[in-house]
C-alpha atoms as a PDB file:
ATOM      1  CA  MET A   1       0.349  17.197 -14.640  1.00  0.00           C
ATOM      2  CA  ALA A   2      -0.128  14.287 -11.731  1.00  0.00           C
ATOM      3  CA  PRO A   3       0.611  10.499 -12.352  1.00  0.00           C
ATOM      4  CA  LYS A   4      -2.512   8.414 -13.195  1.00  0.00           C
ATOM      5  CA  LEU A   5      -2.181   5.882  -9.881  1.00  0.00           C
ATOM      6  CA  HIS A   6      -3.644   2.490 -11.343  1.00  0.00           C
ATOM      7  CA  GLY A   7      -2.480  -1.142 -11.397  1.00  0.00           C
ATOM      8  CA  LEU A   8      -0.546  -2.642  -8.739  1.00  0.00           C
ATOM      9  CA  MET A   9       1.186  -0.189  -6.399  1.00  0.00           C
ATOM     10  CA  PRO A  10       2.945  -2.756  -3.670  1.00  0.00           C
ATOM     11  CA  ILE A  11       3.117  -1.036   0.097  1.00  0.00           C
ATOM     12  CA  LEU A  12       6.925  -1.020   0.576  1.00  0.00           C
ATOM     13  CA  ALA A  13       7.748  -2.591   3.889  1.00  0.00           C
ATOM     14  CA  THR A  14      10.859  -0.728   6.213  1.00  0.00           C
ATOM     15  CA  PRO A  15      13.489  -3.228   6.403  1.00  0.00           C
ATOM     16  CA  PHE A  16      15.600  -2.901   9.902  1.00  0.00           C
ATOM     17  CA  ASP A  17      18.882  -4.603  10.848  1.00  0.00           C
ATOM     18  CA  GLU A  18      18.806  -6.836  14.128  1.00  0.00           C
ATOM     19  CA  SER A  19      19.538  -3.775  16.081  1.00  0.00           C
ATOM     20  CA  GLY A  20      16.509  -2.224  15.300  1.00  0.00           C
ATOM     21  CA  ALA A  21      18.062   0.077  12.961  1.00  0.00           C
ATOM     22  CA  LEU A  22      16.872   1.092   9.502  1.00  0.00           C
ATOM     23  CA  ASP A  23      18.655  -1.492   7.125  1.00  0.00           C
ATOM     24  CA  ARG A  24      19.072   0.527   3.689  1.00  0.00           C
ATOM     25  CA  PRO A  25      20.767  -2.002   1.513  1.00  0.00           C
ATOM     26  CA  SER A  26      17.750  -4.103   1.983  1.00  0.00           C
ATOM     27  CA  LEU A  27      15.559  -1.089   1.016  1.00  0.00           C
ATOM     28  CA  ARG A  28      17.780  -0.887  -1.881  1.00  0.00           C
ATOM     29  CA  ARG A  29      17.030  -4.908  -3.128  1.00  0.00           C
ATOM     30  CA  LEU A  30      13.483  -4.367  -2.132  1.00  0.00           C
ATOM     31  CA  VAL A  31      12.661  -1.336  -4.332  1.00  0.00           C
ATOM     32  CA  GLU A  32      14.704  -3.835  -7.125  1.00  0.00           C
ATOM     33  CA  PHE A  33      12.570  -6.087  -6.739  1.00  0.00           C
ATOM     34  CA  GLN A  34       9.285  -4.240  -7.037  1.00  0.00           C
ATOM     35  CA  LEU A  35      10.562  -2.774 -10.269  1.00  0.00           C
ATOM     36  CA  ALA A  36      11.697  -6.350 -11.806  1.00  0.00           C
ATOM     37  CA  SER A  37       8.385  -7.760 -10.884  1.00  0.00           C
ATOM     38  CA  GLY A  38       6.741  -4.865 -13.490  1.00  0.00           C
ATOM     39  CA  VAL A  39       4.901  -3.149 -10.545  1.00  0.00           C
ATOM     40  CA  ASP A  40       2.800   0.247 -11.432  1.00  0.00           C
ATOM     41  CA  GLY A  41       3.865   2.188  -8.124  1.00  0.00           C
ATOM     42  CA  VAL A  42       5.470   2.067  -5.230  1.00  0.00           C
ATOM     43  CA  ALA A  43       4.245   3.639  -1.868  1.00  0.00           C
ATOM     44  CA  VAL A  44       6.198   4.225   1.397  1.00  0.00           C
ATOM     45  CA  PHE A  45       4.569   5.265   4.682  1.00  0.00           C
ATOM     46  CA  GLY A  46       1.335   2.783   4.629  1.00  0.00           C
ATOM     47  CA  MET A  47       0.586   0.185   7.583  1.00  0.00           C
ATOM     48  CA  ALA A  48       2.728  -2.166   6.301  1.00  0.00           C
ATOM     49  CA  SER A  49       5.174  -0.179   6.065  1.00  0.00           C
ATOM     50  CA  GLU A  50       5.081   0.070   9.646  1.00  0.00           C
ATOM     51  CA  GLY A  51       5.229   3.671   8.780  1.00  0.00           C
ATOM     52  CA  PHE A  52       3.622   4.543  12.702  1.00  0.00           C
ATOM     53  CA  ALA A  53       6.995   3.656  14.082  1.00  0.00           C
ATOM     54  CA  LEU A  54       9.160   5.744  11.888  1.00  0.00           C
ATOM     55  CA  THR A  55      10.902   9.035  12.837  1.00  0.00           C
ATOM     56  CA  ALA A  56      10.908  12.146  11.267  1.00  0.00           C
ATOM     57  CA  VAL A  57      14.586  11.848   9.788  1.00  0.00           C
ATOM     58  CA  GLU A  58      14.286   7.908   8.967  1.00  0.00           C
ATOM     59  CA  ARG A  59      11.051   9.428   6.425  1.00  0.00           C
ATOM     60  CA  ARG A  60      13.271  11.529   4.790  1.00  0.00           C
ATOM     61  CA  THR A  61      15.747   8.658   4.592  1.00  0.00           C
ATOM     62  CA  ILE A  62      13.318   6.321   3.292  1.00  0.00           C
ATOM     63  CA  LEU A  63      11.345   8.498   0.560  1.00  0.00           C
ATOM     64  CA  SER A  64      15.024   9.782  -0.961  1.00  0.00           C
ATOM     65  CA  ASP A  65      15.933   6.591  -1.204  1.00  0.00           C
ATOM     66  CA  VAL A  66      13.178   5.292  -3.003  1.00  0.00           C
ATOM     67  CA  VAL A  67      12.665   8.059  -4.987  1.00  0.00           C
ATOM     68  CA  GLU A  68      16.527   7.738  -6.131  1.00  0.00           C
ATOM     69  CA  LEU A  69      15.962   4.589  -7.127  1.00  0.00           C
ATOM     70  CA  VAL A  70      12.484   4.263  -8.752  1.00  0.00           C
ATOM     71  CA  ASP A  71      14.316   7.290 -10.715  1.00  0.00           C
ATOM     72  CA  GLY A  72      10.847   8.210 -12.376  1.00  0.00           C
ATOM     73  CA  ARG A  73       9.744   4.945 -13.356  1.00  0.00           C
ATOM     74  CA  VAL A  74       6.572   4.406 -11.491  1.00  0.00           C
ATOM     75  CA  PRO A  75       5.122   7.193  -9.073  1.00  0.00           C
ATOM     76  CA  VAL A  76       6.008   7.168  -5.762  1.00  0.00           C
ATOM     77  CA  ILE A  77       3.278   7.562  -3.178  1.00  0.00           C
ATOM     78  CA  ALA A  78       3.879   8.713   0.315  1.00  0.00           C
ATOM     79  CA  GLY A  79       1.883   7.813   3.228  1.00  0.00           C
ATOM     80  CA  VAL A  80       0.631  10.190   5.483  1.00  0.00           C
ATOM     81  CA  ASN A  81      -0.934   9.940   8.981  1.00  0.00           C
ATOM     82  CA  GLY A  82      -1.174  13.491  10.760  1.00  0.00           C
ATOM     83  CA  THR A  83      -3.241  13.102  13.847  1.00  0.00           C
ATOM     84  CA  SER A  84      -4.872  16.722  12.086  1.00  0.00           C
ATOM     85  CA  THR A  85      -4.774  19.433   9.718  1.00  0.00           C
ATOM     86  CA  ALA A  86      -1.744  21.028  10.321  1.00  0.00           C
ATOM     87  CA  THR A  87       0.191  17.950  11.090  1.00  0.00           C
ATOM     88  CA  SER A  88      -1.219  15.949   7.699  1.00  0.00           C
ATOM     89  CA  ILE A  89      -0.097  19.127   5.882  1.00  0.00           C
ATOM     90  CA  GLU A  90       3.295  19.220   7.592  1.00  0.00           C
ATOM     91  CA  GLN A  91       3.849  15.886   6.306  1.00  0.00           C
ATOM     92  CA  SER A  92       2.390  16.856   2.877  1.00  0.00           C
ATOM     93  CA  LEU A  93       4.930  19.268   2.357  1.00  0.00           C
ATOM     94  CA  ILE A  94       8.039  16.935   3.345  1.00  0.00           C
ATOM     95  CA  ALA A  95       6.865  14.501   1.106  1.00  0.00           C
ATOM     96  CA  GLN A  96       6.115  16.963  -1.644  1.00  0.00           C
ATOM     97  CA  GLU A  97       9.876  18.460  -0.787  1.00  0.00           C
ATOM     98  CA  GLY A  98      11.323  15.049  -0.912  1.00  0.00           C
ATOM     99  CA  GLY A  99       9.761  13.710  -4.414  1.00  0.00           C
ATOM    100  CA  ALA A 100       6.769  11.447  -3.822  1.00  0.00           C
ATOM    101  CA  ASP A 101       4.740  11.628  -6.885  1.00  0.00           C
ATOM    102  CA  ALA A 102       1.336  11.288  -4.975  1.00  0.00           C
ATOM    103  CA  LEU A 103       0.104  11.445  -1.340  1.00  0.00           C
ATOM    104  CA  MET A 104      -2.178   8.778   0.543  1.00  0.00           C
ATOM    105  CA  VAL A 105      -3.403  10.469   3.298  1.00  0.00           C
ATOM    106  CA  LEU A 106      -5.373   8.913   6.264  1.00  0.00           C
ATOM    107  CA  PRO A 107      -8.235  11.227   7.851  1.00  0.00           C
ATOM    108  CA  PRO A 108      -7.130  12.141  11.292  1.00  0.00           C
ATOM    109  CA  PHE A 109      -8.481   9.532  14.060  1.00  0.00           C
ATOM    110  CA  MET A 110      -7.770  10.410  17.508  1.00  0.00           C
ATOM    111  CA  VAL A 111     -10.446  12.585  17.249  1.00  0.00           C
ATOM    112  CA  LYS A 112     -13.443  10.925  15.164  1.00  0.00           C
ATOM    113  CA  PRO A 113     -13.976  14.368  12.865  1.00  0.00           C
ATOM    114  CA  PRO A 114     -17.531  14.359  11.335  1.00  0.00           C
ATOM    115  CA  ALA A 115     -18.188  13.852   7.494  1.00  0.00           C
ATOM    116  CA  ALA A 116     -18.202  17.761   6.973  1.00  0.00           C
ATOM    117  CA  SER A 117     -14.945  18.359   8.774  1.00  0.00           C
ATOM    118  CA  LEU A 118     -13.509  15.635   6.583  1.00  0.00           C
ATOM    119  CA  ILE A 119     -14.231  17.163   3.558  1.00  0.00           C
ATOM    120  CA  ASP A 120     -12.359  20.681   4.748  1.00  0.00           C
ATOM    121  CA  PHE A 121      -9.858  18.470   5.816  1.00  0.00           C
ATOM    122  CA  TYR A 122      -9.031  16.932   2.331  1.00  0.00           C
ATOM    123  CA  GLY A 123      -9.800  20.131   0.294  1.00  0.00           C
ATOM    124  CA  GLU A 124      -6.717  22.021   2.659  1.00  0.00           C
ATOM    125  CA  VAL A 125      -4.540  18.955   2.514  1.00  0.00           C
ATOM    126  CA  ALA A 126      -4.857  18.550  -1.391  1.00  0.00           C
ATOM    127  CA  ALA A 127      -4.754  22.716  -1.703  1.00  0.00           C
ATOM    128  CA  ALA A 128      -1.359  23.067   0.259  1.00  0.00           C
ATOM    129  CA  THR A 129       0.426  21.115  -1.676  1.00  0.00           C
ATOM    130  CA  SER A 130       0.975  20.350  -5.779  1.00  0.00           C
ATOM    131  CA  LEU A 131       0.577  16.720  -5.297  1.00  0.00           C
ATOM    132  CA  SER A 132      -2.406  14.361  -5.753  1.00  0.00           C
ATOM    133  CA  VAL A 133      -4.002  13.092  -3.113  1.00  0.00           C
ATOM    134  CA  MET A 134      -5.356   9.426  -2.738  1.00  0.00           C
ATOM    135  CA  VAL A 135      -8.109   9.386   0.292  1.00  0.00           C
ATOM    136  CA  GLN A 136      -7.500   5.711   2.335  1.00  0.00           C
ATOM    137  CA  ASP A 137     -10.761   4.848   3.648  1.00  0.00           C
ATOM    138  CA  ALA A 138      -9.285   2.622   6.442  1.00  0.00           C
ATOM    139  CA  PRO A 139     -12.587   2.390   9.322  1.00  0.00           C
ATOM    140  CA  GLY A 140     -10.660  -0.645  10.933  1.00  0.00           C
ATOM    141  CA  VAL A 141      -7.373   1.255  11.488  1.00  0.00           C
ATOM    142  CA  THR A 142      -8.751   4.920  12.174  1.00  0.00           C
ATOM    143  CA  GLY A 143     -12.308   4.286  13.052  1.00  0.00           C
ATOM    144  CA  VAL A 144     -13.376   7.189  10.691  1.00  0.00           C
ATOM    145  CA  ALA A 145     -16.284   5.803   8.340  1.00  0.00           C
ATOM    146  CA  MET A 146     -16.778   6.983   5.082  1.00  0.00           C
ATOM    147  CA  PRO A 147     -19.545   5.939   3.245  1.00  0.00           C
ATOM    148  CA  PRO A 148     -19.965   6.183  -0.795  1.00  0.00           C
ATOM    149  CA  SER A 149     -21.666   9.414  -0.829  1.00  0.00           C
ATOM    150  CA  LEU A 150     -18.762  11.180   0.918  1.00  0.00           C
ATOM    151  CA  ILE A 151     -15.956   9.778  -1.317  1.00  0.00           C
ATOM    152  CA  ALA A 152     -17.939  11.019  -4.098  1.00  0.00           C
ATOM    153  CA  GLU A 153     -18.346  14.578  -2.903  1.00  0.00           C
ATOM    154  CA  LEU A 154     -14.174  14.549  -1.814  1.00  0.00           C
ATOM    155  CA  ALA A 155     -13.591  13.332  -5.438  1.00  0.00           C
ATOM    156  CA  ARG A 156     -15.054  16.736  -6.472  1.00  0.00           C
ATOM    157  CA  LEU A 157     -12.531  18.337  -4.602  1.00  0.00           C
ATOM    158  CA  ASP A 158      -9.120  19.838  -6.688  1.00  0.00           C
ATOM    159  CA  GLY A 159      -6.105  17.841  -6.408  1.00  0.00           C
ATOM    160  CA  VAL A 160      -8.313  14.641  -4.479  1.00  0.00           C
ATOM    161  CA  ASP A 161      -8.213  12.164  -7.357  1.00  0.00           C
ATOM    162  CA  SER A 162      -8.409   8.743  -5.899  1.00  0.00           C
ATOM    163  CA  VAL A 163      -9.550   6.737  -3.178  1.00  0.00           C
ATOM    164  CA  LYS A 164      -7.885   3.158  -1.219  1.00  0.00           C
ATOM    165  CA  ILE A 165     -10.970   0.888  -0.129  1.00  0.00           C
ATOM    166  CA  GLU A 166     -10.204  -0.652   2.800  1.00  0.00           C
ATOM    167  CA  ALA A 167     -13.555  -1.062   4.718  1.00  0.00           C
ATOM    168  CA  PRO A 168     -14.995  -4.677   4.284  1.00  0.00           C
ATOM    169  CA  PRO A 169     -16.591  -6.187   2.247  1.00  0.00           C
ATOM    170  CA  THR A 170     -14.006  -4.031   0.569  1.00  0.00           C
ATOM    171  CA  ALA A 171     -15.947  -5.551  -3.349  1.00  0.00           C
ATOM    172  CA  PRO A 172     -19.095  -4.697  -2.587  1.00  0.00           C
ATOM    173  CA  LYS A 173     -17.849  -1.316  -1.165  1.00  0.00           C
ATOM    174  CA  VAL A 174     -15.457  -0.553  -4.638  1.00  0.00           C
ATOM    175  CA  GLY A 175     -18.917  -1.154  -6.647  1.00  0.00           C
ATOM    176  CA  ALA A 176     -20.726   1.481  -4.535  1.00  0.00           C
ATOM    177  CA  VAL A 177     -17.721   3.952  -4.817  1.00  0.00           C
ATOM    178  CA  VAL A 178     -17.309   3.693  -8.437  1.00  0.00           C
ATOM    179  CA  GLU A 179     -21.197   3.715  -8.779  1.00  0.00           C
ATOM    180  CA  ALA A 180     -21.670   7.292  -6.213  1.00  0.00           C
ATOM    181  CA  ILE A 181     -18.790   8.924  -8.444  1.00  0.00           C
ATOM    182  CA  GLY A 182     -20.011   8.374 -12.151  1.00  0.00           C
ATOM    183  CA  ASP A 183     -18.002   9.619 -14.940  1.00  0.00           C
ATOM    184  CA  ALA A 184     -15.713  11.582 -12.370  1.00  0.00           C
ATOM    185  CA  ASP A 185     -11.772  11.078 -13.429  1.00  0.00           C
ATOM    186  CA  PHE A 186     -11.328   9.338  -9.772  1.00  0.00           C
ATOM    187  CA  ALA A 187      -9.322   6.234  -9.547  1.00  0.00           C
ATOM    188  CA  VAL A 188     -10.759   3.698  -6.916  1.00  0.00           C
ATOM    189  CA  LEU A 189      -8.300   1.243  -5.867  1.00  0.00           C
ATOM    190  CA  GLY A 190      -8.610  -2.068  -3.741  1.00  0.00           C
ATOM    191  CA  GLY A 191      -5.969  -2.648  -0.287  1.00  0.00           C
ATOM    192  CA  GLN A 192      -6.353  -5.847   2.604  1.00  0.00           C
ATOM    193  CA  ASN A 193      -3.471  -7.064   1.150  1.00  0.00           C
ATOM    194  CA  ALA A 194      -5.354  -7.403  -2.506  1.00  0.00           C
ATOM    195  CA  GLN A 195      -7.320 -10.075  -0.729  1.00  0.00           C
ATOM    196  CA  PHE A 196     -10.181  -9.598  -3.157  1.00  0.00           C
ATOM    197  CA  CYS A 197      -8.840  -7.964  -5.668  1.00  0.00           C
ATOM    198  CA  LEU A 198     -10.225  -9.375  -8.674  1.00  0.00           C
ATOM    199  CA  GLU A 199     -13.603  -8.751  -7.546  1.00  0.00           C
ATOM    200  CA  GLU A 200     -12.585  -5.514  -6.741  1.00  0.00           C
ATOM    201  CA  TYR A 201     -11.636  -5.214 -10.299  1.00  0.00           C
ATOM    202  CA  ALA A 202     -14.631  -7.000 -11.358  1.00  0.00           C
ATOM    203  CA  ARG A 203     -16.554  -3.992  -9.664  1.00  0.00           C
ATOM    204  CA  GLY A 204     -14.591  -1.067 -11.880  1.00  0.00           C
ATOM    205  CA  ALA A 205     -11.206  -1.165  -9.189  1.00  0.00           C
ATOM    206  CA  ILE A 206      -8.494   0.231 -11.320  1.00  0.00           C
ATOM    207  CA  GLY A 207      -5.878  -0.632  -8.776  1.00  0.00           C
ATOM    208  CA  THR A 208      -4.910  -2.628  -5.362  1.00  0.00           C
ATOM    209  CA  MET A 209      -2.489  -2.194  -2.891  1.00  0.00           C
ATOM    210  CA  PRO A 210      -1.256  -4.953  -1.194  1.00  0.00           C
ATOM    211  CA  ALA A 211       1.926  -5.624   0.805  1.00  0.00           C
ATOM    212  CA  CYS A 212       4.938  -6.069  -1.251  1.00  0.00           C
ATOM    213  CA  GLU A 213       6.745  -9.698  -0.848  1.00  0.00           C
ATOM    214  CA  PHE A 214       4.795 -11.112  -3.653  1.00  0.00           C
ATOM    215  CA  ALA A 215       4.482  -8.651  -6.821  1.00  0.00           C
ATOM    216  CA  ASP A 216       6.424 -10.912  -8.893  1.00  0.00           C
ATOM    217  CA  LEU A 217       3.168 -13.951  -8.558  1.00  0.00           C
ATOM    218  CA  LEU A 218       0.629 -10.995  -8.384  1.00  0.00           C
ATOM    219  CA  ALA A 219       1.379  -8.708 -11.524  1.00  0.00           C
ATOM    220  CA  PRO A 220       0.979 -11.505 -14.332  1.00  0.00           C
ATOM    221  CA  VAL A 221      -2.561 -12.281 -12.115  1.00  0.00           C
ATOM    222  CA  LEU A 222      -3.666  -9.057 -12.609  1.00  0.00           C
ATOM    223  CA  GLU A 223      -2.077  -8.671 -16.403  1.00  0.00           C
ATOM    224  CA  LEU A 224      -4.378 -11.603 -17.526  1.00  0.00           C
ATOM    225  CA  PHE A 225      -7.258 -10.238 -15.511  1.00  0.00           C
ATOM    226  CA  VAL A 226      -7.253  -7.434 -17.451  1.00  0.00           C
ATOM    227  CA  ALA A 227      -6.606  -9.015 -20.622  1.00  0.00           C
ATOM    228  CA  GLY A 228      -9.962 -10.671 -20.089  1.00  0.00           C
ATOM    229  CA  ARG A 229      -8.225 -14.178 -19.165  1.00  0.00           C
ATOM    230  CA  VAL A 230     -10.183 -14.568 -16.337  1.00  0.00           C
ATOM    231  CA  GLU A 231     -10.422 -18.001 -15.268  1.00  0.00           C
ATOM    232  CA  GLU A 232      -6.488 -18.171 -15.717  1.00  0.00           C
ATOM    233  CA  ALA A 233      -5.960 -15.285 -13.656  1.00  0.00           C
ATOM    234  CA  ARG A 234      -8.435 -16.904 -10.792  1.00  0.00           C
ATOM    235  CA  ALA A 235      -6.048 -20.051 -11.146  1.00  0.00           C
ATOM    236  CA  GLY A 236      -3.052 -17.980 -10.777  1.00  0.00           C
ATOM    237  CA  PHE A 237      -4.288 -16.263  -7.622  1.00  0.00           C
ATOM    238  CA  ARG A 238      -6.209 -19.414  -6.142  1.00  0.00           C
ATOM    239  CA  ARG A 239      -2.060 -20.599  -5.708  1.00  0.00           C
ATOM    240  CA  MET A 240      -0.883 -17.820  -4.419  1.00  0.00           C
ATOM    241  CA  LEU A 241      -3.933 -16.738  -1.848  1.00  0.00           C
ATOM    242  CA  PRO A 242      -2.382 -18.685   1.153  1.00  0.00           C
ATOM    243  CA  LEU A 243       0.294 -16.248   0.671  1.00  0.00           C
ATOM    244  CA  VAL A 244      -1.769 -13.687   0.789  1.00  0.00           C
ATOM    245  CA  LEU A 245      -4.038 -14.659   3.520  1.00  0.00           C
ATOM    246  CA  VAL A 246      -0.858 -15.304   6.061  1.00  0.00           C
ATOM    247  CA  GLY A 247      -0.243 -11.636   5.528  1.00  0.00           C
ATOM    248  CA  LEU A 248      -3.570 -10.366   6.931  1.00  0.00           C
ATOM    249  CA  GLN A 249      -3.104 -11.518  10.616  1.00  0.00           C
ATOM    250  CA  GLY A 250      -3.639  -8.768  13.542  1.00  0.00           C
ATOM    251  CA  GLY A 251      -0.202  -7.907  15.097  1.00  0.00           C
ATOM    252  CA  ILE A 252       1.414 -10.045  13.246  1.00  0.00           C
ATOM    253  CA  ALA A 253       0.948  -8.925   9.730  1.00  0.00           C
ATOM    254  CA  TRP A 254       4.141  -7.110   9.609  1.00  0.00           C
ATOM    255  CA  ALA A 255       6.646  -9.452  11.314  1.00  0.00           C
ATOM    256  CA  VAL A 256       5.000 -11.912   8.356  1.00  0.00           C
ATOM    257  CA  HIS A 257       5.678  -9.900   5.437  1.00  0.00           C
ATOM    258  CA  LYS A 258       9.287  -9.591   6.506  1.00  0.00           C
ATOM    259  CA  GLU A 259       9.498 -13.303   7.356  1.00  0.00           C
ATOM    260  CA  VAL A 260       8.671 -14.149   3.310  1.00  0.00           C
ATOM    261  CA  LEU A 261      11.002 -11.488   2.042  1.00  0.00           C
ATOM    262  CA  VAL A 262      13.665 -12.955   4.481  1.00  0.00           C
ATOM    263  CA  ALA A 263      12.824 -16.362   3.172  1.00  0.00           C
ATOM    264  CA  ARG A 264      12.829 -14.784  -0.332  1.00  0.00           C
ATOM    265  CA  GLY A 265      16.830 -13.225  -0.228  1.00  0.00           C
ATOM    266  CA  ILE A 266      15.374  -9.748  -0.645  1.00  0.00           C
ATOM    267  CA  ILE A 267      15.939  -8.711   2.708  1.00  0.00           C
ATOM    268  CA  ASP A 268      18.152  -9.746   5.836  1.00  0.00           C
ATOM    269  CA  HIS A 269      16.278  -9.566   8.933  1.00  0.00           C
ATOM    270  CA  ALA A 270      12.760  -9.839   9.926  1.00  0.00           C
ATOM    271  CA  THR A 271      12.853  -6.986  12.671  1.00  0.00           C
ATOM    272  CA  VAL A 272      10.092  -5.356  13.732  1.00  0.00           C
ATOM    273  CA  ARG A 273       9.321  -2.132  15.975  1.00  0.00           C
ATOM    274  CA  TYR A 274       6.931  -2.709  18.953  1.00  0.00           C
ATOM    275  CA  PRO A 275       3.716  -2.732  18.530  1.00  0.00           C
ATOM    276  CA  ALA A 276       4.438  -4.561  15.844  1.00  0.00           C
ATOM    277  CA  ALA A 277       4.805  -8.265  16.683  1.00  0.00           C
ATOM    278  CA  ARG A 278       7.276 -11.007  16.518  1.00  0.00           C
ATOM    279  CA  LEU A 279       5.903 -14.484  15.317  1.00  0.00           C
ATOM    280  CA  ASP A 280       6.254 -16.975  17.934  1.00  0.00           C
ATOM    281  CA  ALA A 281       7.620 -20.435  16.738  1.00  0.00           C
ATOM    282  CA  GLY A 282       4.046 -22.130  15.908  1.00  0.00           C
ATOM    283  CA  SER A 283       3.298 -18.884  13.507  1.00  0.00           C
ATOM    284  CA  ARG A 284       6.796 -18.993  11.604  1.00  0.00           C
ATOM    285  CA  ALA A 285       6.242 -22.796  10.834  1.00  0.00           C
ATOM    286  CA  ALA A 286       2.831 -21.727   9.717  1.00  0.00           C
ATOM    287  CA  VAL A 287       4.558 -18.985   7.229  1.00  0.00           C
ATOM    288  CA  ASP A 288       7.348 -21.667   6.610  1.00  0.00           C
ATOM    289  CA  LEU A 289       5.096 -24.120   5.339  1.00  0.00           C
ATOM    290  CA  VAL A 290       2.902 -21.791   3.144  1.00  0.00           C
ATOM    291  CA  ILE A 291       6.436 -20.687   1.854  1.00  0.00           C
ATOM    292  CA  GLU A 292       7.187 -24.077   1.397  1.00  0.00           C
ATOM    293  CA  GLU A 293       4.233 -25.445  -0.278  1.00  0.00           C
ATOM    294  CA  LEU A 294       3.801 -22.526  -3.386  1.00  0.00           C
ATOM    295  CA  GLU A 295       7.552 -23.157  -4.319  1.00  0.00           C
ATOM    296  CA  LEU A 296       8.360 -19.483  -4.767  1.00  0.00           C
ATOM    297  CA  PRO A 297      10.047 -18.901  -8.202  1.00  0.00           C
ATOM    298  CA  PRO A 298      13.849 -17.537  -8.162  1.00  0.00           C
ATOM    299  CA  LEU A 299      14.564 -13.428  -7.541  1.00  0.00           C
ATOM    300  CA  PRO A 300      14.765 -11.601 -10.493  1.00  0.00           C
ATOM    301  CA  THR A 301      18.649 -11.635 -11.440  1.00  0.00           C
ATOM    302  CA  ALA A 302      17.978  -7.479 -11.011  1.00  0.00           C
ATOM    303  CA  VAL A 303      17.612  -8.196  -7.164  1.00  0.00           C
ATOM    304  CA  ARG A 304      20.373 -11.336  -6.453  1.00  0.00           C
ATOM    305  CA  VAL A 305      23.030 -10.374  -4.441  1.00  0.00           C
END
């Protein structure tokens, strides 16, 4: 049976060395940091992973390393960003072969599909593999709109078990989708770097999938909220909010995530690949100020090197 996706499931950054090559030792520390932080799953090849800039060989290597390191402790979700049914199925089958537990599937976006075609698309992708399929509702990236009524139809497809809502404003969309799906066994998750995760949880979301540099800060916040200690959760979230917001800047978000990870000693370099942009001096100073003011805690012993 496919794992039930829920809780905190960060999108892993892809560490590169100074030359731009894949940095596997840093990837190992990054995965260890997530596990030590108590995450409920990890995802690769998402937008925050620079999945758009990875070669097919690198995707296989990354998935193999992550699956080995996780060793079944939490689900591993593989992003699929094909521009057609055929390429999406190809990526899905490679992810299945590589040991992923679930797929996070973008709709085709080069040619904008009508709603009826999306039902066919997700049905065919789900039928082609034994993995559960998460619909990625990210119109800011794809230009493909998915109204709640469409997502409710997708929820009835065999093998389509969850959705990640990244269509702002996310909290109202989460509430509308939860209402539309009714009592279906279908997980509604939030995105957008967890900016409105508590509001999304209040409206029926059961998980969130942000970037990966603050998993140790967000995990206890979500635990408090789920336990009903809402005011404590909100206080904890307010404290970390500047770190969430600084990682939401279009074009430089990938570099921000990595600068924070480098500052925390988790990865060695903040190298990004084009078209992701490096930080200029002013942006780097702003990130440094956020880190300094937050007084980030020491890393768990498991990831110190």
